[in-house]
Protein backbone atom coordinates (compact mmCIF):
# COMPACT_ATOMS: atom_id res chain seq x y z
CA UNK A 1 28.29 -11.80 -44.94
CA UNK A 2 27.24 -8.24 -44.15
CA UNK A 3 23.66 -9.36 -43.52
CA UNK A 4 24.80 -12.17 -41.21
CA UNK A 5 26.98 -9.72 -39.31
CA UNK A 6 24.06 -7.32 -38.85
CA UNK A 7 21.82 -10.19 -37.68
CA UNK A 8 24.48 -11.32 -35.18
CA UNK A 9 24.85 -7.80 -33.78
CA UNK A 10 21.06 -7.43 -33.56
CA UNK A 11 20.75 -10.74 -31.68
CA UNK A 12 23.52 -9.81 -29.26
CA UNK A 13 21.83 -6.48 -28.52
CA UNK A 14 18.45 -8.20 -28.01
CA UNK A 15 20.00 -10.80 -25.69
CA UNK A 16 21.69 -8.10 -23.60
CA UNK A 17 18.45 -6.12 -23.46
CA UNK A 18 16.54 -9.25 -22.43
CA UNK A 19 19.06 -9.95 -19.65
CA UNK A 20 18.66 -6.39 -18.35
CA UNK A 21 14.87 -6.78 -18.35
CA UNK A 22 14.84 -10.21 -16.71
CA UNK A 23 17.56 -9.48 -14.12
CA UNK A 24 15.09 -8.19 -11.46
CA UNK A 25 13.16 -11.48 -11.70
CA UNK A 26 16.37 -13.49 -11.40
CA UNK A 27 17.40 -11.39 -8.37
CA UNK A 28 13.96 -11.93 -6.82
CA UNK A 29 14.21 -15.68 -7.34
CA UNK A 30 17.70 -15.88 -5.86
CA UNK A 31 16.67 -13.69 -2.90
CA UNK A 32 13.94 -16.17 -2.05
CA UNK A 33 16.66 -18.71 -1.18
CA UNK A 34 18.68 -16.32 0.99
CA UNK A 35 18.05 -15.17 4.53
CA UNK A 36 17.11 -11.56 5.23
CA UNK A 37 20.53 -10.69 6.63
CA UNK A 38 22.27 -11.83 3.44
CA UNK A 39 19.82 -9.89 1.26
CA UNK A 40 20.54 -6.68 3.17
CA UNK A 41 24.32 -7.05 3.45
CA UNK A 42 25.47 -8.97 0.39
CA UNK A 43 25.53 -7.81 -3.22
CA UNK A 44 25.98 -11.35 -4.56
CA UNK A 45 23.36 -12.64 -6.96
CA UNK A 46 23.70 -16.28 -5.96
CA UNK A 47 23.10 -17.13 -2.29
CA UNK A 48 25.94 -18.52 -0.20
CA UNK A 49 23.69 -21.45 0.64
CA UNK A 50 20.21 -22.24 -0.65
CA UNK A 51 17.56 -22.08 2.09
CA UNK A 52 13.89 -23.00 1.70
CA UNK A 53 12.89 -21.14 4.85
CA UNK A 54 11.57 -18.21 2.83
CA UNK A 55 9.00 -20.47 1.18
CA UNK A 56 8.03 -22.52 4.23
CA UNK A 57 7.83 -19.63 6.70
CA UNK A 58 6.26 -17.27 4.18
CA UNK A 59 3.53 -19.79 3.40
CA UNK A 60 2.69 -20.26 7.08
CA UNK A 61 1.95 -16.57 7.53
CA UNK A 62 3.25 -16.11 11.10
CA UNK A 63 0.21 -14.76 12.95
CA UNK A 64 -1.87 -13.97 9.85
CA UNK A 65 -3.77 -16.21 7.40
CA UNK A 66 -1.57 -18.64 5.50
CA UNK A 67 -0.53 -17.45 2.06
CA UNK A 68 -2.70 -20.13 0.48
CA UNK A 69 -5.72 -18.17 1.74
CA UNK A 70 -4.61 -15.13 -0.26
CA UNK A 71 -4.10 -17.30 -3.34
CA UNK A 72 -7.62 -18.71 -3.04
CA UNK A 73 -9.00 -15.20 -2.52
CA UNK A 74 -7.25 -13.96 -5.66
CA UNK A 75 -8.64 -16.88 -7.65
CA UNK A 76 -12.13 -16.21 -6.28
CA UNK A 77 -11.78 -12.56 -7.21
CA UNK A 78 -10.11 -12.94 -10.60
CA UNK A 79 -11.81 -15.85 -12.39
CA UNK A 80 -15.40 -14.49 -12.18
CA UNK A 81 -14.10 -11.04 -13.16
CA UNK A 82 -12.45 -12.49 -16.27
CA UNK A 83 -15.52 -14.56 -17.18
CA UNK A 84 -17.93 -11.65 -16.74
CA UNK A 85 -15.63 -9.34 -18.72
CA UNK A 86 -15.60 -11.72 -21.68
CA UNK A 87 -19.34 -12.45 -21.57
CA UNK A 88 -20.38 -8.81 -21.34
CA UNK A 89 -17.75 -7.69 -23.85
CA UNK A 90 -18.75 -10.24 -26.49
CA UNK A 91 -22.48 -9.56 -26.12
CA UNK A 92 -22.13 -5.77 -26.30
CA UNK A 93 -19.66 -5.98 -29.19
CA UNK A 94 -22.01 -8.35 -31.04
CA UNK A 95 -24.81 -5.83 -30.70
CA UNK A 96 -22.71 -2.91 -31.91
CA UNK A 97 -21.17 -4.77 -34.85
CA UNK A 98 -24.10 -6.79 -36.17
CA UNK A 99 -27.32 -4.88 -35.36
CA UNK A 100 -28.66 -1.54 -36.49
CA UNK A 101 -30.63 0.21 -33.76
CA UNK A 102 -31.47 3.75 -32.80
CA UNK A 103 -28.58 5.84 -31.45
CA UNK A 104 -26.09 3.05 -32.17
CA UNK A 105 -23.35 5.38 -33.39
CA UNK A 106 -23.72 7.96 -30.57
CA UNK A 107 -23.76 5.21 -27.95
CA UNK A 108 -20.68 3.61 -29.45
CA UNK A 109 -18.94 7.00 -29.50
CA UNK A 110 -19.82 7.56 -25.83
CA UNK A 111 -18.48 4.11 -24.96
CA UNK A 112 -15.22 4.85 -26.80
CA UNK A 113 -15.01 8.18 -24.98
CA UNK A 114 -15.09 6.41 -21.61
CA UNK A 115 -11.79 4.74 -22.51
CA UNK A 116 -10.18 8.17 -22.23
CA UNK A 117 -11.36 8.61 -18.63
CA UNK A 118 -8.66 7.82 -16.04
CA UNK A 119 -9.64 5.30 -13.39
CA UNK A 120 -8.93 7.89 -10.71
CA UNK A 121 -11.83 9.99 -12.05
CA UNK A 122 -14.21 7.04 -11.67
CA UNK A 123 -12.88 5.84 -8.33
CA UNK A 124 -14.84 8.11 -5.99
CA UNK A 125 -18.24 7.79 -7.79
CA UNK A 126 -17.87 4.01 -7.92
CA UNK A 127 -16.87 3.85 -4.27
CA UNK A 128 -19.89 5.92 -3.22
CA UNK A 129 -22.24 3.77 -5.31
CA UNK A 130 -20.95 0.50 -3.90
CA UNK A 131 -20.90 1.93 -0.37
CA UNK A 132 -24.54 3.00 -0.66
CA UNK A 133 -25.41 -0.46 -1.98
CA UNK A 134 -23.63 -2.10 0.98
CA UNK A 135 -21.17 -3.98 -1.23
CA UNK A 136 -17.89 -2.87 0.34
CA UNK A 137 -15.54 -5.49 1.80
CA UNK A 138 -16.59 -7.97 -0.88
CA UNK A 139 -15.67 -8.90 -4.43
CA UNK A 140 -18.98 -7.64 -5.84
CA UNK A 141 -17.55 -4.25 -6.94
CA UNK A 142 -15.07 -6.07 -9.17
CA UNK A 143 -17.63 -8.53 -10.53
CA UNK A 144 -20.31 -5.94 -11.23
CA UNK A 145 -17.84 -3.59 -12.90
CA UNK A 146 -16.78 -6.43 -15.19
CA UNK A 147 -20.40 -7.44 -15.86
CA UNK A 148 -21.18 -3.86 -16.89
CA UNK A 149 -18.58 -4.16 -19.66
CA UNK A 150 -15.02 -2.97 -20.07
CA UNK A 151 -14.90 -0.48 -22.99
CA UNK A 152 -11.37 -1.43 -24.05
CA UNK A 153 -12.31 -5.07 -24.58
CA UNK A 154 -15.65 -4.20 -26.16
CA UNK A 155 -13.82 -2.07 -28.71
CA UNK A 156 -11.35 -4.89 -29.36
CA UNK A 157 -14.18 -7.39 -29.93
CA UNK A 158 -16.00 -4.96 -32.22
CA UNK A 159 -12.91 -4.49 -34.35
CA UNK A 160 -12.41 -8.24 -34.54
CA UNK A 161 -16.05 -8.84 -35.51
CA UNK A 162 -15.81 -6.21 -38.24
CA UNK A 163 -13.18 -8.42 -39.88
CA UNK A 164 -15.52 -11.43 -40.02
CA UNK A 165 -17.63 -11.48 -43.22
CA UNK A 166 -21.34 -10.90 -42.67
CA UNK A 167 -21.98 -13.56 -45.32
CA UNK A 168 -21.30 -16.16 -42.62
CA UNK A 169 -24.13 -14.71 -40.52
CA UNK A 170 -26.44 -14.56 -43.53
CA UNK A 171 -25.73 -18.18 -44.49
CA UNK A 172 -26.43 -19.33 -40.94
CA UNK A 173 -29.62 -17.23 -40.83
CA UNK A 174 -30.85 -18.86 -44.07
CA UNK A 175 -30.20 -22.25 -42.48
CA UNK A 176 -32.54 -21.29 -39.63
CA UNK A 177 -30.12 -20.08 -36.97
CA UNK A 178 -31.20 -17.32 -34.61
CA UNK A 179 -29.07 -14.42 -33.44
CA UNK A 180 -27.66 -16.14 -30.36
CA UNK A 181 -27.11 -19.39 -32.24
CA UNK A 182 -25.12 -17.48 -34.86
CA UNK A 183 -23.05 -15.92 -32.09
CA UNK A 184 -22.50 -19.24 -30.30
CA UNK A 185 -21.90 -21.52 -33.28
CA UNK A 186 -20.37 -19.23 -35.90
CA UNK A 187 -18.75 -16.17 -34.35
CA UNK A 188 -17.45 -17.39 -30.99
CA UNK A 189 -15.06 -19.98 -32.50
CA UNK A 190 -13.66 -17.24 -34.75
CA UNK A 191 -13.39 -14.88 -31.77
CA UNK A 192 -11.17 -17.29 -29.85
CA UNK A 193 -7.90 -15.30 -30.35
CA UNK A 194 -9.56 -12.07 -29.19
CA UNK A 195 -11.19 -13.84 -26.24
CA UNK A 196 -7.88 -15.32 -25.12
CA UNK A 197 -6.19 -11.93 -25.44
CA UNK A 198 -8.90 -10.25 -23.35
CA UNK A 199 -8.78 -13.04 -20.77
CA UNK A 200 -5.00 -12.76 -20.38
CA UNK A 201 -5.08 -8.98 -20.06
CA UNK A 202 -7.94 -8.97 -17.56
CA UNK A 203 -6.48 -11.83 -15.52
CA UNK A 204 -3.13 -10.09 -15.14
CA UNK A 205 -4.71 -6.69 -14.42
CA UNK A 206 -7.05 -8.11 -11.77
CA UNK A 207 -4.54 -10.50 -10.22
CA UNK A 208 -1.91 -7.75 -9.89
CA UNK A 209 -4.32 -4.99 -8.84
CA UNK A 210 -3.40 -3.45 -5.50
CA UNK A 211 -5.08 -0.06 -5.31
CA UNK A 212 -8.70 -1.03 -5.94
CA UNK A 213 -8.38 -4.07 -3.69
CA UNK A 214 -7.08 -1.76 -0.97
CA UNK A 215 -10.06 0.58 -1.48
CA UNK A 216 -12.85 -2.00 -1.51
CA UNK A 217 -11.58 -4.83 0.74
CA UNK A 218 -10.91 -4.30 4.43
CA UNK A 219 -11.04 -7.79 5.98
CA UNK A 220 -7.68 -9.55 6.15
CA UNK A 221 -9.27 -12.95 5.48
CA UNK A 222 -10.52 -11.60 2.12
CA UNK A 223 -7.22 -10.06 1.01
CA UNK A 224 -5.87 -11.09 -2.43
CA UNK A 225 -2.17 -11.83 -2.87
CA UNK A 226 -1.23 -8.20 -3.50
CA UNK A 227 -2.57 -7.07 -0.14
CA UNK A 228 -1.29 -10.23 1.50
CA UNK A 229 2.27 -9.38 0.43
CA UNK A 230 1.87 -5.83 1.69
CA UNK A 231 0.62 -7.20 5.01
CA UNK A 232 3.94 -8.99 5.42
CA UNK A 233 5.76 -5.68 5.31
CA UNK A 234 3.39 -4.00 7.78
CA UNK A 235 3.37 -6.87 10.26
CA UNK A 236 6.77 -6.40 11.86
CA UNK A 237 9.62 -3.91 12.26
CA UNK A 238 12.15 -5.65 9.98
CA UNK A 239 10.33 -7.15 7.00
CA UNK A 240 11.27 -10.78 6.23
CA UNK A 241 12.46 -9.99 2.73
CA UNK A 242 13.30 -13.60 1.90
CA UNK A 243 9.71 -14.61 2.69
CA UNK A 244 8.34 -11.68 0.72
CA UNK A 245 10.54 -12.62 -2.26
CA UNK A 246 9.48 -16.27 -2.06
CA UNK A 247 5.77 -15.44 -1.87
CA UNK A 248 6.20 -12.90 -4.69
CA UNK A 249 7.54 -15.69 -6.89
CA UNK A 250 4.51 -17.82 -6.07
CA UNK A 251 2.20 -14.84 -6.65
CA UNK A 252 3.45 -14.14 -10.18
CA UNK A 253 3.50 -17.79 -11.28
CA UNK A 254 -0.21 -17.95 -12.32
CA UNK A 255 0.14 -14.92 -14.59
CA UNK A 256 3.32 -16.29 -16.17
CA UNK A 257 1.86 -19.76 -16.70
CA UNK A 258 -1.36 -18.43 -18.20
CA UNK A 259 0.53 -16.09 -20.53
CA UNK A 260 2.84 -18.79 -21.87
CA UNK A 261 0.07 -21.39 -21.96
CA UNK A 262 -2.14 -19.16 -24.12
CA UNK A 263 0.67 -17.39 -25.95
CA UNK A 264 -0.34 -18.81 -29.33
CA UNK A 265 -3.83 -17.33 -29.13
CA UNK A 266 -2.58 -14.13 -27.54
CA UNK A 267 -0.15 -13.40 -30.38
CA UNK A 268 -2.77 -14.32 -32.95
CA UNK A 269 -5.34 -12.04 -31.33
CA UNK A 270 -2.93 -9.09 -31.22
CA UNK A 271 -1.55 -9.63 -34.74
CA UNK A 272 -4.85 -10.13 -36.56
CA UNK A 273 -8.31 -8.60 -36.67
CA UNK A 274 -10.25 -11.67 -37.73
CA UNK A 275 -11.05 -12.89 -41.21
CA UNK A 276 -10.68 -10.44 -44.04
CA UNK A 277 -13.52 -9.62 -46.36
């Protein structure tokens, strides 16, 4: 009985904590069905009457590109960034974990050290490099940065590969497989949880990124959703908060759907480090 009582109390506390955490999202969703006047003057959670004007008018854009343009821009920006992050991360991690070459340990230590550098330290040098290369106002800075490798994900892949027995590589090598065939046929299927985890993290980080998009992108027709939402606030004296709330709901849907769709692999990738020797 005492254990059941403790479990009940623990569940009640967790439910209350979850409600506190999810309340802002519920308020945002309810605000999308209100008008701006009600949002500013009423403290009610539920709207007096449900209106779809926030979604219809917010999608149209009112003098700026329709919100669908920002969604397409975010997809164009995010998907190649995620793909290049995974490709570069897996290849670099494969080299560090499975090959012995000169200066391997110092190079790996330097790579790990870069994780400690704040992004603000790298912002100005990166901006100057991409400006001199004529790549501003495009998505190339994001794609090339991902193609160069993200140290956090490289380290995660290395740790995962260290948990996979080398005997699998040796058996495949005896059967005539080359290095890339071993990676493609043997290791990649086992890396699936880590790959999904990296993809989810990078997708959410890139999709939600505001600051770097503001630095590198200046054309309104290339804005991702984060800058598109900010444009709604700058466009007029009294921001249409119901439209902003409605478009915010649409903006966060891809991240939520991807997280829950790949939750199984995400949890597995976080909870494990691959096969054990």
